[in-house]
Amino acid sequence: MEDRRARWQTAPLPRVTDPDPERYRSHRSGGRRRGSRWHWLLWLPVIIALFPAIFNRAEPTLMGLPFYYWGQLAFALLCAVLTAVVHLATKGR
């Protein structure tokens, strides 16, 4: 019985020292990070998703699919493109 317990016990993890706090500090005074104005564009999909009446309809149809389905797919693709644009615009910051 003791052999089974000893087999499943693991060695204690090594103690990790705290990382350099200056590495995580912002370049601005006070150490607080401020977002770019580009990041405000990321609120657009959140706000649109709060109004389901925008998508809750059947017309117009696209290849037989109601607007509800293809509109949501188009919205998801738009969100991906918008996220990529914001990422590329703020990449060097």
PDB file of N, CA and C in Angstrom:
ATOM      1  N   MET A   1       0.817  -1.194   0.000  1.00  0.00           N
ATOM      2  CA  MET A   1       0.000   0.000   0.000  1.00  0.00           C
ATOM      3  C   MET A   1       0.864   1.263   0.000  1.00  0.00           C
ATOM      4  N   GLU A   2       1.958   1.227   0.722  1.00  0.00           N
ATOM      5  CA  GLU A   2       2.838   2.391   0.793  1.00  0.00           C
ATOM      6  C   GLU A   2       3.489   2.667  -0.561  1.00  0.00           C
ATOM      7  N   ASP A   3       3.772   1.617  -1.317  1.00  0.00           N
ATOM      8  CA  ASP A   3       4.398   1.821  -2.625  1.00  0.00           C
ATOM      9  C   ASP A   3       3.479   2.573  -3.562  1.00  0.00           C
ATOM     10  N   ARG A   4       2.179   2.271  -3.517  1.00  0.00           N
ATOM     11  CA  ARG A   4       1.228   2.988  -4.374  1.00  0.00           C
ATOM     12  C   ARG A   4       1.177   4.466  -4.024  1.00  0.00           C
ATOM     13  N   ARG A   5       1.127   4.777  -2.753  1.00  0.00           N
ATOM     14  CA  ARG A   5       1.080   6.191  -2.347  1.00  0.00           C
ATOM     15  C   ARG A   5       2.359   6.919  -2.736  1.00  0.00           C
ATOM     16  N   ALA A   6       3.480   6.278  -2.548  1.00  0.00           N
ATOM     17  CA  ALA A   6       4.751   6.910  -2.882  1.00  0.00           C
ATOM     18  C   ALA A   6       4.866   7.125  -4.392  1.00  0.00           C
ATOM     19  N   ARG A   7       4.281   6.241  -5.170  1.00  0.00           N
ATOM     20  CA  ARG A   7       4.367   6.368  -6.604  1.00  0.00           C
ATOM     21  C   ARG A   7       3.582   7.578  -7.114  1.00  0.00           C
ATOM     22  N   TRP A   8       2.475   7.892  -6.492  1.00  0.00           N
ATOM     23  CA  TRP A   8       1.624   8.983  -6.952  1.00  0.00           C
ATOM     24  C   TRP A   8       2.003  10.328  -6.350  1.00  0.00           C
ATOM     25  N   GLN A   9       2.848  10.333  -5.376  1.00  0.00           N
ATOM     26  CA  GLN A   9       3.269  11.602  -4.802  1.00  0.00           C
ATOM     27  C   GLN A   9       4.276  12.260  -5.740  1.00  0.00           C
ATOM     28  N   THR A  10       4.189  13.566  -5.826  1.00  0.00           N
ATOM     29  CA  THR A  10       5.107  14.304  -6.686  1.00  0.00           C
ATOM     30  C   THR A  10       6.062  15.114  -5.843  1.00  0.00           C
ATOM     31  N   ALA A  11       7.159  15.444  -6.430  1.00  0.00           N
ATOM     32  CA  ALA A  11       8.140  16.278  -5.741  1.00  0.00           C
ATOM     33  C   ALA A  11       7.583  17.690  -5.618  1.00  0.00           C
ATOM     34  N   PRO A  12       7.934  18.413  -4.576  1.00  0.00           N
ATOM     35  CA  PRO A  12       7.435  19.785  -4.443  1.00  0.00           C
ATOM     36  C   PRO A  12       7.972  20.652  -5.580  1.00  0.00           C
ATOM     37  N   LEU A  13       7.147  21.595  -6.002  1.00  0.00           N
ATOM     38  CA  LEU A  13       7.527  22.487  -7.092  1.00  0.00           C
ATOM     39  C   LEU A  13       8.604  23.453  -6.625  1.00  0.00           C
ATOM     40  N   PRO A  14       9.531  23.802  -7.500  1.00  0.00           N
ATOM     41  CA  PRO A  14      10.565  24.759  -7.101  1.00  0.00           C
ATOM     42  C   PRO A  14       9.948  26.141  -6.883  1.00  0.00           C
ATOM     43  N   ARG A  15      10.513  26.867  -5.976  1.00  0.00           N
ATOM     44  CA  ARG A  15      10.011  28.199  -5.673  1.00  0.00           C
ATOM     45  C   ARG A  15      10.457  29.160  -6.771  1.00  0.00           C
ATOM     46  N   VAL A  16       9.509  29.899  -7.300  1.00  0.00           N
ATOM     47  CA  VAL A  16       9.786  30.837  -8.381  1.00  0.00           C
ATOM     48  C   VAL A  16       9.864  32.235  -7.789  1.00  0.00           C
ATOM     49  N   THR A  17      10.913  32.948  -8.128  1.00  0.00           N
ATOM     50  CA  THR A  17      11.035  34.314  -7.632  1.00  0.00           C
ATOM     51  C   THR A  17      10.105  35.226  -8.417  1.00  0.00           C
ATOM     52  N   ASP A  18       9.753  36.331  -7.837  1.00  0.00           N
ATOM     53  CA  ASP A  18       8.874  37.290  -8.502  1.00  0.00           C
ATOM     54  C   ASP A  18       9.563  37.849  -9.742  1.00  0.00           C
ATOM     55  N   PRO A  19       8.812  38.010 -10.822  1.00  0.00           N
ATOM     56  CA  PRO A  19       9.414  38.578 -12.030  1.00  0.00           C
ATOM     57  C   PRO A  19       9.747  40.058 -11.817  1.00  0.00           C
ATOM     58  N   ASP A  20      10.515  40.564 -12.703  1.00  0.00           N
ATOM     59  CA  ASP A  20      10.906  41.968 -12.641  1.00  0.00           C
ATOM     60  C   ASP A  20       9.661  42.842 -12.769  1.00  0.00           C
ATOM     61  N   PRO A  21       9.307  43.617 -11.742  1.00  0.00           N
ATOM     62  CA  PRO A  21       8.079  44.417 -11.824  1.00  0.00           C
ATOM     63  C   PRO A  21       8.148  45.523 -12.877  1.00  0.00           C
ATOM     64  N   GLU A  22       9.335  45.955 -13.233  1.00  0.00           N
ATOM     65  CA  GLU A  22       9.458  47.015 -14.231  1.00  0.00           C
ATOM     66  C   GLU A  22       9.050  46.532 -15.618  1.00  0.00           C
ATOM     67  N   ARG A  23       9.130  45.238 -15.853  1.00  0.00           N
ATOM     68  CA  ARG A  23       8.765  44.703 -17.154  1.00  0.00           C
ATOM     69  C   ARG A  23       7.274  44.864 -17.412  1.00  0.00           C
ATOM     70  N   TYR A  24       6.467  44.819 -16.361  1.00  0.00           N
ATOM     71  CA  TYR A  24       5.022  44.897 -16.517  1.00  0.00           C
ATOM     72  C   TYR A  24       4.486  46.312 -16.330  1.00  0.00           C
ATOM     73  N   ARG A  25       5.346  47.235 -16.041  1.00  0.00           N
ATOM     74  CA  ARG A  25       4.915  48.615 -15.840  1.00  0.00           C
ATOM     75  C   ARG A  25       4.801  49.309 -17.190  1.00  0.00           C
ATOM     76  N   SER A  26       3.796  50.138 -17.316  1.00  0.00           N
ATOM     77  CA  SER A  26       3.592  50.868 -18.563  1.00  0.00           C
ATOM     78  C   SER A  26       4.670  51.930 -18.718  1.00  0.00           C
ATOM     79  N   HIS A  27       4.850  52.390 -19.931  1.00  0.00           N
ATOM     80  CA  HIS A  27       5.827  53.447 -20.169  1.00  0.00           C
ATOM     81  C   HIS A  27       5.314  54.802 -19.704  1.00  0.00           C
ATOM     82  N   ARG A  28       4.048  54.892 -19.407  1.00  0.00           N
ATOM     83  CA  ARG A  28       3.478  56.151 -18.929  1.00  0.00           C
ATOM     84  C   ARG A  28       3.748  56.285 -17.429  1.00  0.00           C
ATOM     85  N   SER A  29       3.736  57.484 -16.950  1.00  0.00           N
ATOM     86  CA  SER A  29       3.959  57.684 -15.522  1.00  0.00           C
ATOM     87  C   SER A  29       2.772  57.130 -14.734  1.00  0.00           C
ATOM     88  N   GLY A  30       3.052  56.610 -13.582  1.00  0.00           N
ATOM     89  CA  GLY A  30       1.996  56.047 -12.752  1.00  0.00           C
ATOM     90  C   GLY A  30       1.782  54.565 -12.984  1.00  0.00           C
ATOM     91  N   GLY A  31       2.323  54.002 -14.050  1.00  0.00           N
ATOM     92  CA  GLY A  31       2.227  52.584 -14.295  1.00  0.00           C
ATOM     93  C   GLY A  31       0.871  52.113 -14.793  1.00  0.00           C
ATOM     94  N   ARG A  32      -0.020  53.003 -15.088  1.00  0.00           N
ATOM     95  CA  ARG A  32      -1.348  52.603 -15.546  1.00  0.00           C
ATOM     96  C   ARG A  32      -1.399  52.655 -17.058  1.00  0.00           C
ATOM     97  N   ARG A  33      -1.879  51.575 -17.638  1.00  0.00           N
ATOM     98  CA  ARG A  33      -1.981  51.535 -19.093  1.00  0.00           C
ATOM     99  C   ARG A  33      -3.258  52.198 -19.550  1.00  0.00           C
ATOM    100  N   ARG A  34      -3.142  52.929 -20.624  1.00  0.00           N
ATOM    101  CA  ARG A  34      -4.316  53.540 -21.236  1.00  0.00           C
ATOM    102  C   ARG A  34      -4.503  52.946 -22.603  1.00  0.00           C
ATOM    103  N   GLY A  35      -5.728  52.664 -22.944  1.00  0.00           N
ATOM    104  CA  GLY A  35      -6.008  52.061 -24.241  1.00  0.00           C
ATOM    105  C   GLY A  35      -5.983  53.095 -25.349  1.00  0.00           C
ATOM    106  N   SER A  36      -5.889  52.599 -26.525  1.00  0.00           N
ATOM    107  CA  SER A  36      -5.909  53.443 -27.703  1.00  0.00           C
ATOM    108  C   SER A  36      -7.354  53.775 -28.066  1.00  0.00           C
ATOM    109  N   ARG A  37      -7.518  54.794 -28.847  1.00  0.00           N
ATOM    110  CA  ARG A  37      -8.871  55.131 -29.315  1.00  0.00           C
ATOM    111  C   ARG A  37      -9.399  54.057 -30.254  1.00  0.00           C
ATOM    112  N   TRP A  38      -8.505  53.298 -30.841  1.00  0.00           N
ATOM    113  CA  TRP A  38      -8.928  52.204 -31.712  1.00  0.00           C
ATOM    114  C   TRP A  38      -9.719  51.157 -30.935  1.00  0.00           C
ATOM    115  N   HIS A  39      -9.403  50.987 -29.673  1.00  0.00           N
ATOM    116  CA  HIS A  39     -10.082  49.967 -28.866  1.00  0.00           C
ATOM    117  C   HIS A  39     -11.565  50.270 -28.669  1.00  0.00           C
ATOM    118  N   TRP A  40     -11.968  51.490 -28.843  1.00  0.00           N
ATOM    119  CA  TRP A  40     -13.397  51.824 -28.728  1.00  0.00           C
ATOM    120  C   TRP A  40     -14.213  51.144 -29.820  1.00  0.00           C
ATOM    121  N   LEU A  41     -13.575  50.849 -30.947  1.00  0.00           N
ATOM    122  CA  LEU A  41     -14.292  50.141 -32.021  1.00  0.00           C
ATOM    123  C   LEU A  41     -14.729  48.744 -31.602  1.00  0.00           C
ATOM    124  N   LEU A  42     -14.052  48.165 -30.628  1.00  0.00           N
ATOM    125  CA  LEU A  42     -14.412  46.821 -30.180  1.00  0.00           C
ATOM    126  C   LEU A  42     -15.740  46.803 -29.421  1.00  0.00           C
ATOM    127  N   TRP A  43     -16.211  47.950 -28.999  1.00  0.00           N
ATOM    128  CA  TRP A  43     -17.521  48.019 -28.335  1.00  0.00           C
ATOM    129  C   TRP A  43     -18.668  47.928 -29.336  1.00  0.00           C
ATOM    130  N   LEU A  44     -18.403  48.218 -30.592  1.00  0.00           N
ATOM    131  CA  LEU A  44     -19.455  48.191 -31.610  1.00  0.00           C
ATOM    132  C   LEU A  44     -20.157  46.835 -31.716  1.00  0.00           C
ATOM    133  N   PRO A  45     -19.447  45.703 -31.808  1.00  0.00           N
ATOM    134  CA  PRO A  45     -20.147  44.422 -31.852  1.00  0.00           C
ATOM    135  C   PRO A  45     -20.941  44.128 -30.581  1.00  0.00           C
ATOM    136  N   VAL A  46     -20.437  44.568 -29.444  1.00  0.00           N
ATOM    137  CA  VAL A  46     -21.146  44.337 -28.182  1.00  0.00           C
ATOM    138  C   VAL A  46     -22.469  45.093 -28.182  1.00  0.00           C
ATOM    139  N   ILE A  47     -22.439  46.326 -28.615  1.00  0.00           N
ATOM    140  CA  ILE A  47     -23.657  47.142 -28.624  1.00  0.00           C
ATOM    141  C   ILE A  47     -24.659  46.607 -29.639  1.00  0.00           C
ATOM    142  N   ILE A  48     -24.182  46.208 -30.807  1.00  0.00           N
ATOM    143  CA  ILE A  48     -25.099  45.664 -31.820  1.00  0.00           C
ATOM    144  C   ILE A  48     -25.736  44.367 -31.334  1.00  0.00           C
ATOM    145  N   ALA A  49     -24.979  43.547 -30.636  1.00  0.00           N
ATOM    146  CA  ALA A  49     -25.522  42.277 -30.142  1.00  0.00           C
ATOM    147  C   ALA A  49     -26.592  42.484 -29.069  1.00  0.00           C
ATOM    148  N   LEU A  50     -26.645  43.645 -28.459  1.00  0.00           N
ATOM    149  CA  LEU A  50     -27.660  43.920 -27.442  1.00  0.00           C
ATOM    150  C   LEU A  50     -29.036  44.193 -28.038  1.00  0.00           C
ATOM    151  N   PHE A  51     -29.107  44.354 -29.346  1.00  0.00           N
ATOM    152  CA  PHE A  51     -30.381  44.629 -30.011  1.00  0.00           C
ATOM    153  C   PHE A  51     -30.726  43.485 -30.965  1.00  0.00           C
ATOM    154  N   PRO A  52     -31.346  42.422 -30.457  1.00  0.00           N
ATOM    155  CA  PRO A  52     -31.654  41.277 -31.327  1.00  0.00           C
ATOM    156  C   PRO A  52     -32.722  41.582 -32.368  1.00  0.00           C
ATOM    157  N   ALA A  53     -33.452  42.664 -32.205  1.00  0.00           N
ATOM    158  CA  ALA A  53     -34.472  43.013 -33.192  1.00  0.00           C
ATOM    159  C   ALA A  53     -33.851  43.318 -34.559  1.00  0.00           C
ATOM    160  N   ILE A  54     -32.582  43.645 -34.562  1.00  0.00           N
ATOM    161  CA  ILE A  54     -31.897  43.904 -35.826  1.00  0.00           C
ATOM    162  C   ILE A  54     -31.864  42.643 -36.687  1.00  0.00           C
ATOM    163  N   PHE A  55     -31.662  41.481 -36.048  1.00  0.00           N
ATOM    164  CA  PHE A  55     -31.517  40.229 -36.782  1.00  0.00           C
ATOM    165  C   PHE A  55     -32.797  39.402 -36.819  1.00  0.00           C
ATOM    166  N   ASN A  56     -33.775  39.719 -36.010  1.00  0.00           N
ATOM    167  CA  ASN A  56     -34.956  38.874 -35.847  1.00  0.00           C
ATOM    168  C   ASN A  56     -35.971  39.129 -36.963  1.00  0.00           C
ATOM    169  N   ARG A  57     -35.638  38.686 -38.169  1.00  0.00           N
ATOM    170  CA  ARG A  57     -36.556  38.784 -39.304  1.00  0.00           C
ATOM    171  C   ARG A  57     -36.160  37.750 -40.344  1.00  0.00           C
ATOM    172  N   ALA A  58     -37.067  37.458 -41.233  1.00  0.00           N
ATOM    173  CA  ALA A  58     -36.823  36.425 -42.240  1.00  0.00           C
ATOM    174  C   ALA A  58     -36.384  37.012 -43.578  1.00  0.00           C
ATOM    175  N   GLU A  59     -36.833  38.200 -43.870  1.00  0.00           N
ATOM    176  CA  GLU A  59     -36.504  38.813 -45.164  1.00  0.00           C
ATOM    177  C   GLU A  59     -35.385  39.812 -44.979  1.00  0.00           C
ATOM    178  N   PRO A  60     -34.514  39.973 -45.877  1.00  0.00           N
ATOM    179  CA  PRO A  60     -34.338  39.351 -47.179  1.00  0.00           C
ATOM    180  C   PRO A  60     -33.650  37.989 -47.028  1.00  0.00           C
ATOM    181  N   THR A  61     -33.909  37.123 -47.958  1.00  0.00           N
ATOM    182  CA  THR A  61     -33.279  35.806 -47.947  1.00  0.00           C
ATOM    183  C   THR A  61     -32.089  35.811 -48.896  1.00  0.00           C
ATOM    184  N   LEU A  62     -31.135  34.965 -48.604  1.00  0.00           N
ATOM    185  CA  LEU A  62     -29.938  34.824 -49.434  1.00  0.00           C
ATOM    186  C   LEU A  62     -29.764  33.342 -49.711  1.00  0.00           C
ATOM    187  N   MET A  63     -29.958  32.941 -50.937  1.00  0.00           N
ATOM    188  CA  MET A  63     -29.893  31.538 -51.348  1.00  0.00           C
ATOM    189  C   MET A  63     -30.821  30.664 -50.496  1.00  0.00           C
ATOM    190  N   GLY A  64     -31.986  31.169 -50.188  1.00  0.00           N
ATOM    191  CA  GLY A  64     -32.971  30.419 -49.433  1.00  0.00           C
ATOM    192  C   GLY A  64     -32.825  30.510 -47.925  1.00  0.00           C
ATOM    193  N   LEU A  65     -31.765  31.130 -47.432  1.00  0.00           N
ATOM    194  CA  LEU A  65     -31.567  31.278 -45.991  1.00  0.00           C
ATOM    195  C   LEU A  65     -32.211  32.567 -45.506  1.00  0.00           C
ATOM    196  N   PRO A  66     -32.936  32.514 -44.407  1.00  0.00           N
ATOM    197  CA  PRO A  66     -33.501  33.745 -43.854  1.00  0.00           C
ATOM    198  C   PRO A  66     -32.392  34.693 -43.382  1.00  0.00           C
ATOM    199  N   PHE A  67     -32.732  35.946 -43.292  1.00  0.00           N
ATOM    200  CA  PHE A  67     -31.759  36.964 -42.885  1.00  0.00           C
ATOM    201  C   PHE A  67     -31.170  36.666 -41.519  1.00  0.00           C
ATOM    202  N   TYR A  68     -31.959  36.056 -40.638  1.00  0.00           N
ATOM    203  CA  TYR A  68     -31.467  35.767 -39.292  1.00  0.00           C
ATOM    204  C   TYR A  68     -30.166  34.968 -39.346  1.00  0.00           C
ATOM    205  N   TYR A  69     -30.100  33.962 -40.212  1.00  0.00           N
ATOM    206  CA  TYR A  69     -28.924  33.097 -40.263  1.00  0.00           C
ATOM    207  C   TYR A  69     -27.762  33.741 -41.010  1.00  0.00           C
ATOM    208  N   TRP A  70     -28.004  34.234 -42.214  1.00  0.00           N
ATOM    209  CA  TRP A  70     -26.874  34.783 -42.951  1.00  0.00           C
ATOM    210  C   TRP A  70     -26.457  36.140 -42.397  1.00  0.00           C
ATOM    211  N   GLY A  71     -27.367  36.850 -41.754  1.00  0.00           N
ATOM    212  CA  GLY A  71     -27.000  38.113 -41.126  1.00  0.00           C
ATOM    213  C   GLY A  71     -26.083  37.903 -39.932  1.00  0.00           C
ATOM    214  N   GLN A  72     -26.360  36.860 -39.139  1.00  0.00           N
ATOM    215  CA  GLN A  72     -25.491  36.553 -37.998  1.00  0.00           C
ATOM    216  C   GLN A  72     -24.101  36.121 -38.473  1.00  0.00           C
ATOM    217  N   LEU A  73     -24.064  35.347 -39.556  1.00  0.00           N
ATOM    218  CA  LEU A  73     -22.775  34.930 -40.097  1.00  0.00           C
ATOM    219  C   LEU A  73     -21.989  36.130 -40.618  1.00  0.00           C
ATOM    220  N   ALA A  74     -22.668  37.021 -41.309  1.00  0.00           N
ATOM    221  CA  ALA A  74     -22.006  38.233 -41.801  1.00  0.00           C
ATOM    222  C   ALA A  74     -21.538  39.102 -40.636  1.00  0.00           C
ATOM    223  N   PHE A  75     -22.324  39.150 -39.578  1.00  0.00           N
ATOM    224  CA  PHE A  75     -21.946  39.924 -38.399  1.00  0.00           C
ATOM    225  C   PHE A  75     -20.706  39.324 -37.734  1.00  0.00           C
ATOM    226  N   ALA A  76     -20.629  38.001 -37.662  1.00  0.00           N
ATOM    227  CA  ALA A  76     -19.452  37.350 -37.078  1.00  0.00           C
ATOM    228  C   ALA A  76     -18.206  37.632 -37.905  1.00  0.00           C
ATOM    229  N   LEU A  77     -18.336  37.600 -39.224  1.00  0.00           N
ATOM    230  CA  LEU A  77     -17.201  37.919 -40.093  1.00  0.00           C
ATOM    231  C   LEU A  77     -16.789  39.389 -39.953  1.00  0.00           C
ATOM    232  N   LEU A  78     -17.768  40.263 -39.825  1.00  0.00           N
ATOM    233  CA  LEU A  78     -17.482  41.677 -39.618  1.00  0.00           C
ATOM    234  C   LEU A  78     -16.741  41.895 -38.298  1.00  0.00           C
ATOM    235  N   CYS A  79     -17.148  41.179 -37.262  1.00  0.00           N
ATOM    236  CA  CYS A  79     -16.463  41.290 -35.968  1.00  0.00           C
ATOM    237  C   CYS A  79     -15.014  40.819 -36.069  1.00  0.00           C
ATOM    238  N   ALA A  80     -14.780  39.743 -36.814  1.00  0.00           N
ATOM    239  CA  ALA A  80     -13.413  39.249 -36.991  1.00  0.00           C
ATOM    240  C   ALA A  80     -12.554  40.262 -37.737  1.00  0.00           C
ATOM    241  N   VAL A  81     -13.106  40.855 -38.777  1.00  0.00           N
ATOM    242  CA  VAL A  81     -12.369  41.870 -39.537  1.00  0.00           C
ATOM    243  C   VAL A  81     -12.103  43.097 -38.670  1.00  0.00           C
ATOM    244  N   LEU A  82     -13.093  43.510 -37.906  1.00  0.00           N
ATOM    245  CA  LEU A  82     -12.937  44.666 -37.031  1.00  0.00           C
ATOM    246  C   LEU A  82     -11.871  44.410 -35.976  1.00  0.00           C
ATOM    247  N   THR A  83     -11.861  43.218 -35.402  1.00  0.00           N
ATOM    248  CA  THR A  83     -10.846  42.866 -34.413  1.00  0.00           C
ATOM    249  C   THR A  83      -9.456  42.860 -35.045  1.00  0.00           C
ATOM    250  N   ALA A  84      -9.340  42.359 -36.262  1.00  0.00           N
ATOM    251  CA  ALA A  84      -8.043  42.358 -36.954  1.00  0.00           C
ATOM    252  C   ALA A  84      -7.574  43.775 -37.245  1.00  0.00           C
ATOM    253  N   VAL A  85      -8.493  44.647 -37.644  1.00  0.00           N
ATOM    254  CA  VAL A  85      -8.129  46.041 -37.925  1.00  0.00           C
ATOM    255  C   VAL A  85      -7.617  46.724 -36.661  1.00  0.00           C
ATOM    256  N   VAL A  86      -8.309  46.522 -35.553  1.00  0.00           N
ATOM    257  CA  VAL A  86      -7.871  47.139 -34.289  1.00  0.00           C
ATOM    258  C   VAL A  86      -6.530  46.567 -33.860  1.00  0.00           C
ATOM    259  N   HIS A  87      -6.348  45.277 -34.037  1.00  0.00           N
ATOM    260  CA  HIS A  87      -5.067  44.657 -33.670  1.00  0.00           C
ATOM    261  C   HIS A  87      -3.928  45.237 -34.498  1.00  0.00           C
ATOM    262  N   LEU A  88      -4.113  45.325 -35.803  1.00  0.00           N
ATOM    263  CA  LEU A  88      -3.053  45.851 -36.656  1.00  0.00           C
ATOM    264  C   LEU A  88      -2.794  47.326 -36.408  1.00  0.00           C
ATOM    265  N   ALA A  89      -3.835  48.074 -36.055  1.00  0.00           N
ATOM    266  CA  ALA A  89      -3.652  49.504 -35.802  1.00  0.00           C
ATOM    267  C   ALA A  89      -2.939  49.776 -34.496  1.00  0.00           C
ATOM    268  N   THR A  90      -3.044  48.862 -33.531  1.00  0.00           N
ATOM    269  CA  THR A  90      -2.436  49.097 -32.218  1.00  0.00           C
ATOM    270  C   THR A  90      -1.272  48.155 -31.956  1.00  0.00           C
ATOM    271  N   LYS A  91      -0.802  47.472 -32.957  1.00  0.00           N
ATOM    272  CA  LYS A  91       0.244  46.451 -32.787  1.00  0.00           C
ATOM    273  C   LYS A  91       1.551  47.027 -32.266  1.00  0.00           C
ATOM    274  N   GLY A  92       1.955  48.170 -32.717  1.00  0.00           N
ATOM    275  CA  GLY A  92       3.241  48.730 -32.333  1.00  0.00           C
ATOM    276  C   GLY A  92       3.249  49.469 -31.008  1.00  0.00           C
ATOM    277  N   ARG A  93       2.124  49.536 -30.340  1.00  0.00           N
ATOM    278  CA  ARG A  93       2.051  50.320 -29.098  1.00  0.00           C
ATOM    279  C   ARG A  93       2.466  49.518 -27.915  1.00  0.00           C
TER     280      ARG A  93
END
